[in-house]
N, C-alpha and C. Protein backbone atom coordinates (compact mmCIF):
# COMPACT_ATOMS: atom_id res chain seq x y z
N GLU A 1 -21.19 12.41 13.13
CA GLU A 1 -22.37 11.66 13.34
C GLU A 1 -22.26 10.41 13.87
N LEU A 2 -21.17 9.53 13.59
CA LEU A 2 -20.92 8.37 14.03
C LEU A 2 -20.56 8.37 15.50
N ARG A 3 -19.79 9.31 15.81
CA ARG A 3 -19.23 9.60 17.23
C ARG A 3 -20.40 9.85 18.07
N GLU A 4 -21.35 10.85 17.69
CA GLU A 4 -22.48 11.25 18.48
C GLU A 4 -23.59 10.22 18.66
N GLY A 5 -23.57 9.32 17.68
CA GLY A 5 -24.48 8.19 17.69
C GLY A 5 -23.95 7.09 18.77
N SER A 6 -22.63 6.93 18.73
CA SER A 6 -21.90 6.07 19.66
C SER A 6 -22.20 6.58 21.18
N TYR A 7 -22.03 7.83 21.37
CA TYR A 7 -22.14 8.37 22.72
C TYR A 7 -23.59 8.32 23.05
N GLY A 8 -24.53 8.53 22.14
CA GLY A 8 -26.04 8.34 22.50
C GLY A 8 -26.45 7.05 22.84
N LEU A 9 -25.64 6.01 22.31
CA LEU A 9 -26.07 4.70 22.79
C LEU A 9 -25.31 4.32 24.04
N GLY A 10 -24.57 5.13 24.64
CA GLY A 10 -23.97 4.84 26.03
C GLY A 10 -22.61 4.35 25.90
N ALA A 11 -21.83 4.57 24.79
CA ALA A 11 -20.46 3.94 24.61
C ALA A 11 -19.56 5.18 25.39
N THR A 12 -18.41 4.61 25.95
CA THR A 12 -17.39 5.53 26.49
C THR A 12 -16.56 6.12 25.45
N LYS A 13 -15.76 7.06 25.70
CA LYS A 13 -14.88 7.75 24.78
C LYS A 13 -13.86 6.55 24.23
N LEU A 14 -13.44 5.76 25.09
CA LEU A 14 -12.51 4.77 24.59
C LEU A 14 -13.13 3.73 23.63
N GLU A 15 -14.28 3.23 24.08
CA GLU A 15 -15.17 2.44 23.04
C GLU A 15 -15.44 3.07 21.82
N THR A 16 -15.74 4.27 21.92
CA THR A 16 -16.02 5.06 20.58
C THR A 16 -14.87 5.10 19.68
N ALA A 17 -13.64 5.44 20.36
CA ALA A 17 -12.39 5.48 19.67
C ALA A 17 -12.02 4.25 18.86
N PHE A 18 -12.12 3.23 19.70
CA PHE A 18 -11.65 1.85 19.02
C PHE A 18 -12.78 1.15 18.28
N LYS A 19 -14.04 1.36 18.43
CA LYS A 19 -15.05 0.57 17.77
C LYS A 19 -15.81 1.45 16.81
N VAL A 20 -15.53 2.77 16.76
CA VAL A 20 -16.26 3.48 15.77
C VAL A 20 -15.44 4.48 14.97
N VAL A 21 -14.56 5.27 15.53
CA VAL A 21 -13.67 6.15 14.98
C VAL A 21 -12.55 5.38 14.25
N PHE A 22 -11.89 4.54 14.79
CA PHE A 22 -10.67 3.80 14.20
C PHE A 22 -11.15 2.98 12.94
N PRO A 23 -12.37 2.25 13.13
CA PRO A 23 -12.68 1.46 11.90
C PRO A 23 -13.09 2.36 10.69
N ALA A 24 -13.68 3.64 10.94
CA ALA A 24 -14.04 4.47 10.10
C ALA A 24 -12.85 5.01 9.29
N ALA A 25 -11.87 5.25 10.12
CA ALA A 25 -10.62 5.90 9.52
C ALA A 25 -9.61 4.88 8.90
N LEU A 26 -9.72 3.58 9.22
CA LEU A 26 -8.83 2.52 8.79
C LEU A 26 -8.67 2.59 7.20
N PRO A 27 -9.70 2.73 6.39
CA PRO A 27 -9.43 2.80 4.93
C PRO A 27 -8.63 3.88 4.50
N GLY A 28 -8.60 5.05 5.13
CA GLY A 28 -7.90 6.18 4.74
C GLY A 28 -6.49 5.86 5.19
N ILE A 29 -6.33 5.43 6.39
CA ILE A 29 -5.00 5.13 6.92
C ILE A 29 -4.27 4.02 6.12
N SER A 30 -4.90 3.00 5.68
CA SER A 30 -4.20 1.88 4.96
C SER A 30 -4.02 2.44 3.44
N ALA A 31 -4.91 3.25 2.97
CA ALA A 31 -4.70 3.89 1.58
C ALA A 31 -3.42 4.64 1.63
N ALA A 32 -3.30 5.47 2.74
CA ALA A 32 -2.10 6.29 2.83
C ALA A 32 -0.81 5.53 3.00
N VAL A 33 -0.78 4.46 3.70
CA VAL A 33 0.42 3.56 3.84
C VAL A 33 0.72 2.89 2.42
N LEU A 34 -0.29 2.43 1.72
CA LEU A 34 0.03 1.83 0.52
C LEU A 34 0.48 2.87 -0.51
N LEU A 35 -0.04 4.07 -0.53
CA LEU A 35 0.47 5.19 -1.42
C LEU A 35 1.88 5.64 -1.02
N GLY A 36 2.09 5.56 0.20
CA GLY A 36 3.45 5.98 0.68
C GLY A 36 4.44 4.83 0.19
N ILE A 37 3.98 3.51 0.32
CA ILE A 37 4.94 2.51 -0.05
C ILE A 37 5.29 2.66 -1.64
N ALA A 38 4.12 2.93 -2.40
CA ALA A 38 4.31 3.09 -3.72
C ALA A 38 5.18 4.27 -4.11
N ARG A 39 5.12 5.41 -3.28
CA ARG A 39 5.93 6.51 -3.74
C ARG A 39 7.43 6.10 -3.35
N VAL A 40 7.70 5.37 -2.22
CA VAL A 40 8.94 4.94 -1.88
C VAL A 40 9.68 3.99 -2.98
N VAL A 41 8.80 3.17 -3.46
CA VAL A 41 9.33 2.22 -4.49
C VAL A 41 9.79 2.96 -5.78
N GLY A 42 8.94 4.05 -6.12
CA GLY A 42 9.30 4.69 -7.31
C GLY A 42 10.44 5.70 -7.21
N GLU A 43 11.01 6.04 -6.02
CA GLU A 43 12.17 6.98 -5.88
C GLU A 43 13.35 6.32 -6.55
N THR A 44 14.20 7.02 -7.28
CA THR A 44 15.41 6.61 -7.88
C THR A 44 16.69 7.06 -7.24
N MET A 45 16.83 8.47 -7.23
CA MET A 45 17.95 9.13 -6.70
C MET A 45 18.10 8.82 -5.24
N ILE A 46 17.12 8.96 -4.60
CA ILE A 46 17.24 8.74 -3.04
C ILE A 46 17.76 7.23 -2.69
N VAL A 47 17.30 6.28 -3.51
CA VAL A 47 17.71 4.92 -3.25
C VAL A 47 19.10 4.84 -3.60
N ALA A 48 19.48 5.38 -4.78
CA ALA A 48 20.93 5.28 -5.29
C ALA A 48 21.83 5.91 -4.25
N ILE A 49 21.44 6.91 -3.62
CA ILE A 49 22.42 7.59 -2.69
C ILE A 49 22.38 6.91 -1.43
N ALA A 50 21.10 6.57 -0.86
CA ALA A 50 21.05 5.98 0.52
C ALA A 50 21.44 4.46 0.56
N ALA A 51 21.04 3.75 -0.32
CA ALA A 51 21.28 2.29 -0.22
C ALA A 51 22.50 1.85 -1.05
N GLY A 52 22.98 2.75 -1.81
CA GLY A 52 24.27 2.31 -2.54
C GLY A 52 23.89 1.56 -3.89
N SER A 53 25.01 1.35 -4.59
CA SER A 53 24.65 0.62 -5.82
C SER A 53 25.63 -0.52 -5.96
N THR A 54 26.00 -1.23 -4.98
CA THR A 54 26.93 -2.31 -5.06
C THR A 54 26.05 -3.43 -5.39
N PRO A 55 26.51 -4.15 -6.49
CA PRO A 55 25.81 -5.32 -6.96
C PRO A 55 26.08 -6.57 -6.13
N ASN A 56 25.42 -6.60 -4.95
CA ASN A 56 25.64 -7.63 -3.97
C ASN A 56 24.19 -7.91 -3.45
N LEU A 57 23.90 -9.32 -3.51
CA LEU A 57 22.87 -9.89 -2.85
C LEU A 57 23.12 -10.57 -1.54
N THR A 58 22.48 -9.95 -0.43
CA THR A 58 22.74 -10.77 0.88
C THR A 58 21.41 -10.52 1.57
N LEU A 59 21.24 -11.43 2.74
CA LEU A 59 20.21 -11.25 3.53
C LEU A 59 20.39 -10.49 4.79
N MET A 60 21.63 -9.96 4.91
CA MET A 60 21.94 -9.22 5.97
C MET A 60 21.37 -7.73 5.95
N PRO A 61 20.53 -7.27 6.81
CA PRO A 61 19.97 -5.91 6.75
C PRO A 61 20.80 -4.85 6.79
N LEU A 62 22.13 -4.96 7.38
CA LEU A 62 22.98 -3.84 7.57
C LEU A 62 23.94 -3.75 6.45
N GLU A 63 23.95 -4.72 5.40
CA GLU A 63 24.83 -4.48 4.32
C GLU A 63 24.21 -3.97 3.02
N SER A 64 24.90 -3.09 2.33
CA SER A 64 24.14 -2.46 1.24
C SER A 64 23.98 -3.52 0.09
N ILE A 65 22.88 -3.38 -0.55
CA ILE A 65 22.62 -4.29 -1.81
C ILE A 65 22.21 -3.35 -2.89
N GLN A 66 22.06 -3.94 -4.11
CA GLN A 66 21.64 -3.20 -5.35
C GLN A 66 20.11 -3.35 -5.34
N THR A 67 19.45 -2.30 -5.26
CA THR A 67 17.99 -2.26 -5.33
C THR A 67 17.65 -2.17 -6.89
N MET A 68 16.31 -2.39 -7.09
CA MET A 68 15.89 -2.43 -8.46
C MET A 68 16.00 -0.99 -9.10
N THR A 69 15.75 0.15 -8.34
CA THR A 69 15.98 1.44 -8.90
C THR A 69 17.33 1.77 -9.03
N GLY A 70 18.26 1.20 -8.12
CA GLY A 70 19.66 1.44 -8.37
C GLY A 70 20.33 0.70 -9.47
N PHE A 71 19.69 -0.57 -9.87
CA PHE A 71 20.18 -1.10 -10.94
C PHE A 71 19.74 -0.40 -12.20
N MET A 72 18.56 0.21 -12.17
CA MET A 72 18.07 0.98 -13.43
C MET A 72 18.91 2.16 -13.56
N LEU A 73 19.27 2.82 -12.53
CA LEU A 73 20.25 3.96 -12.65
C LEU A 73 21.46 3.60 -13.14
N GLN A 74 22.25 2.48 -12.66
CA GLN A 74 23.52 2.03 -13.13
C GLN A 74 23.49 1.56 -14.55
N ALA A 75 22.35 0.94 -14.96
CA ALA A 75 22.30 0.50 -16.41
C ALA A 75 22.13 1.62 -17.33
N ALA A 76 21.34 2.45 -16.85
CA ALA A 76 21.03 3.70 -17.80
C ALA A 76 22.16 4.60 -17.99
N ILE A 77 23.05 4.66 -16.97
CA ILE A 77 24.25 5.53 -17.00
C ILE A 77 25.31 4.73 -17.63
N GLY A 78 25.47 3.55 -17.50
CA GLY A 78 26.54 2.65 -17.98
C GLY A 78 26.61 2.51 -19.50
N ASP A 79 27.40 1.56 -19.95
CA ASP A 79 27.63 1.34 -21.38
C ASP A 79 26.76 0.16 -21.82
N ALA A 80 25.48 0.29 -21.56
CA ALA A 80 24.60 -0.81 -22.08
C ALA A 80 24.35 -0.67 -23.55
N ALA A 81 24.83 -1.60 -24.36
CA ALA A 81 24.57 -1.53 -25.78
C ALA A 81 23.19 -2.01 -26.10
N ARG A 82 22.70 -1.43 -27.19
CA ARG A 82 21.30 -1.93 -27.46
C ARG A 82 21.21 -3.29 -27.87
N GLY A 83 20.35 -4.03 -27.29
CA GLY A 83 20.13 -5.40 -27.53
C GLY A 83 20.93 -6.23 -26.55
N ASP A 84 21.60 -5.66 -25.70
CA ASP A 84 22.50 -6.39 -24.73
C ASP A 84 21.54 -6.81 -23.53
N THR A 85 21.99 -7.80 -22.66
CA THR A 85 21.21 -8.21 -21.62
C THR A 85 20.91 -7.22 -20.60
N ASP A 86 21.92 -6.32 -20.20
CA ASP A 86 21.65 -5.06 -19.46
C ASP A 86 20.66 -4.28 -19.86
N TYR A 87 20.62 -3.97 -21.26
CA TYR A 87 19.83 -2.99 -22.01
C TYR A 87 18.41 -3.53 -21.79
N THR A 88 18.14 -4.96 -22.15
CA THR A 88 16.73 -5.35 -21.99
C THR A 88 16.33 -5.65 -20.62
N SER A 89 17.15 -5.88 -19.78
CA SER A 89 16.75 -6.11 -18.33
C SER A 89 16.37 -4.71 -17.73
N LEU A 90 16.90 -3.65 -18.18
CA LEU A 90 16.55 -2.37 -17.77
C LEU A 90 14.99 -2.15 -17.97
N PHE A 91 14.52 -2.52 -19.07
CA PHE A 91 13.03 -2.39 -19.40
C PHE A 91 12.23 -3.54 -18.64
N ALA A 92 12.76 -4.67 -18.26
CA ALA A 92 12.09 -5.59 -17.61
C ALA A 92 11.94 -5.12 -16.01
N VAL A 93 12.98 -4.41 -15.55
CA VAL A 93 12.99 -4.01 -14.16
C VAL A 93 12.05 -2.86 -14.11
N GLY A 94 12.16 -1.89 -15.00
CA GLY A 94 11.20 -0.70 -15.11
C GLY A 94 9.86 -1.22 -15.22
N SER A 95 9.48 -2.15 -15.89
CA SER A 95 8.11 -2.66 -16.12
C SER A 95 7.57 -3.14 -14.82
N ALA A 96 8.59 -4.07 -14.16
CA ALA A 96 8.18 -4.55 -12.81
C ALA A 96 7.87 -3.40 -11.73
N LEU A 97 8.71 -2.47 -11.77
CA LEU A 97 8.41 -1.39 -10.76
C LEU A 97 7.06 -0.71 -11.10
N PHE A 98 6.75 -0.51 -12.42
CA PHE A 98 5.72 0.18 -12.79
C PHE A 98 4.45 -0.58 -12.28
N ILE A 99 4.50 -1.98 -12.55
CA ILE A 99 3.29 -2.80 -12.35
C ILE A 99 3.16 -2.88 -10.79
N PHE A 100 4.14 -3.00 -10.00
CA PHE A 100 4.07 -2.91 -8.52
C PHE A 100 3.51 -1.68 -8.07
N THR A 101 3.99 -0.52 -8.51
CA THR A 101 3.59 0.80 -8.05
C THR A 101 2.04 1.00 -8.35
N PHE A 102 1.72 0.55 -9.74
CA PHE A 102 0.26 0.68 -10.14
C PHE A 102 -0.61 -0.17 -9.38
N SER A 103 -0.15 -1.28 -9.04
CA SER A 103 -0.96 -2.30 -8.17
C SER A 103 -1.16 -1.73 -6.87
N LEU A 104 -0.34 -1.26 -6.17
CA LEU A 104 -0.42 -0.66 -4.92
C LEU A 104 -1.35 0.55 -5.01
N THR A 105 -1.26 1.47 -5.89
CA THR A 105 -2.14 2.63 -6.12
C THR A 105 -3.56 2.03 -6.29
N TRP A 106 -3.87 1.01 -7.15
CA TRP A 106 -5.08 0.44 -7.58
C TRP A 106 -5.66 -0.07 -6.27
N LEU A 107 -4.96 -0.79 -5.56
CA LEU A 107 -5.42 -1.47 -4.25
C LEU A 107 -5.83 -0.46 -3.27
N ALA A 108 -5.08 0.64 -3.19
CA ALA A 108 -5.51 1.74 -2.33
C ALA A 108 -6.81 2.32 -2.68
N GLN A 109 -6.96 2.57 -3.83
CA GLN A 109 -8.06 3.15 -4.44
C GLN A 109 -9.36 2.18 -4.13
N VAL A 110 -9.28 0.92 -4.36
CA VAL A 110 -10.29 -0.02 -4.19
C VAL A 110 -10.60 -0.01 -2.67
N ILE A 111 -9.62 0.01 -1.76
CA ILE A 111 -9.87 0.08 -0.28
C ILE A 111 -10.68 1.25 0.04
N VAL A 112 -10.23 2.41 -0.44
CA VAL A 112 -10.96 3.65 -0.14
C VAL A 112 -12.42 3.62 -0.69
N ASN A 113 -12.69 3.17 -1.78
CA ASN A 113 -14.03 3.13 -2.38
C ASN A 113 -14.84 2.19 -1.70
N ARG A 114 -14.38 0.97 -1.29
CA ARG A 114 -15.06 -0.06 -0.82
C ARG A 114 -15.59 0.49 0.71
N PHE A 115 -14.79 1.10 1.50
CA PHE A 115 -15.18 1.52 2.73
C PHE A 115 -15.98 2.89 2.66
N ARG A 116 -15.82 3.62 1.65
CA ARG A 116 -16.50 4.87 1.57
C ARG A 116 -18.01 4.54 1.43
N GLU A 117 -18.20 3.51 0.64
CA GLU A 117 -19.62 3.10 0.44
C GLU A 117 -20.35 2.59 1.85
N VAL A 118 -19.44 2.04 2.61
CA VAL A 118 -20.11 1.45 3.89
C VAL A 118 -20.34 2.51 4.88
N TYR A 119 -19.53 3.63 4.90
CA TYR A 119 -19.73 4.75 5.95
C TYR A 119 -20.51 5.89 5.37
N GLU A 120 -21.01 5.92 4.15
CA GLU A 120 -21.78 7.03 3.64
C GLU A 120 -23.27 6.68 3.74
């Protein structure tokens, strides 16, 4: 309906694509990107295999570092005694990942709901 209305008002196909169709599709696209990022953040084994688990912090993008999920995997498999710093940090890192993933999912839902009201 939006596209037909745009054509009816004399817009070209290019104008319709960029001024009508793309803005209407933008909430879905941005929600998909945010949910994809949340999914990537939550992966554990893929990160452990692909990024490595070397406990190294560097700003060089071509060197491997230890990611949050890699740290969780190493601490869970390792000999972390109950009450040890590694043991308690495992829960802190897990909570941070959960909050980050939950926030991205919530933000995606807010974006979808806000723009759904506009275009309905």
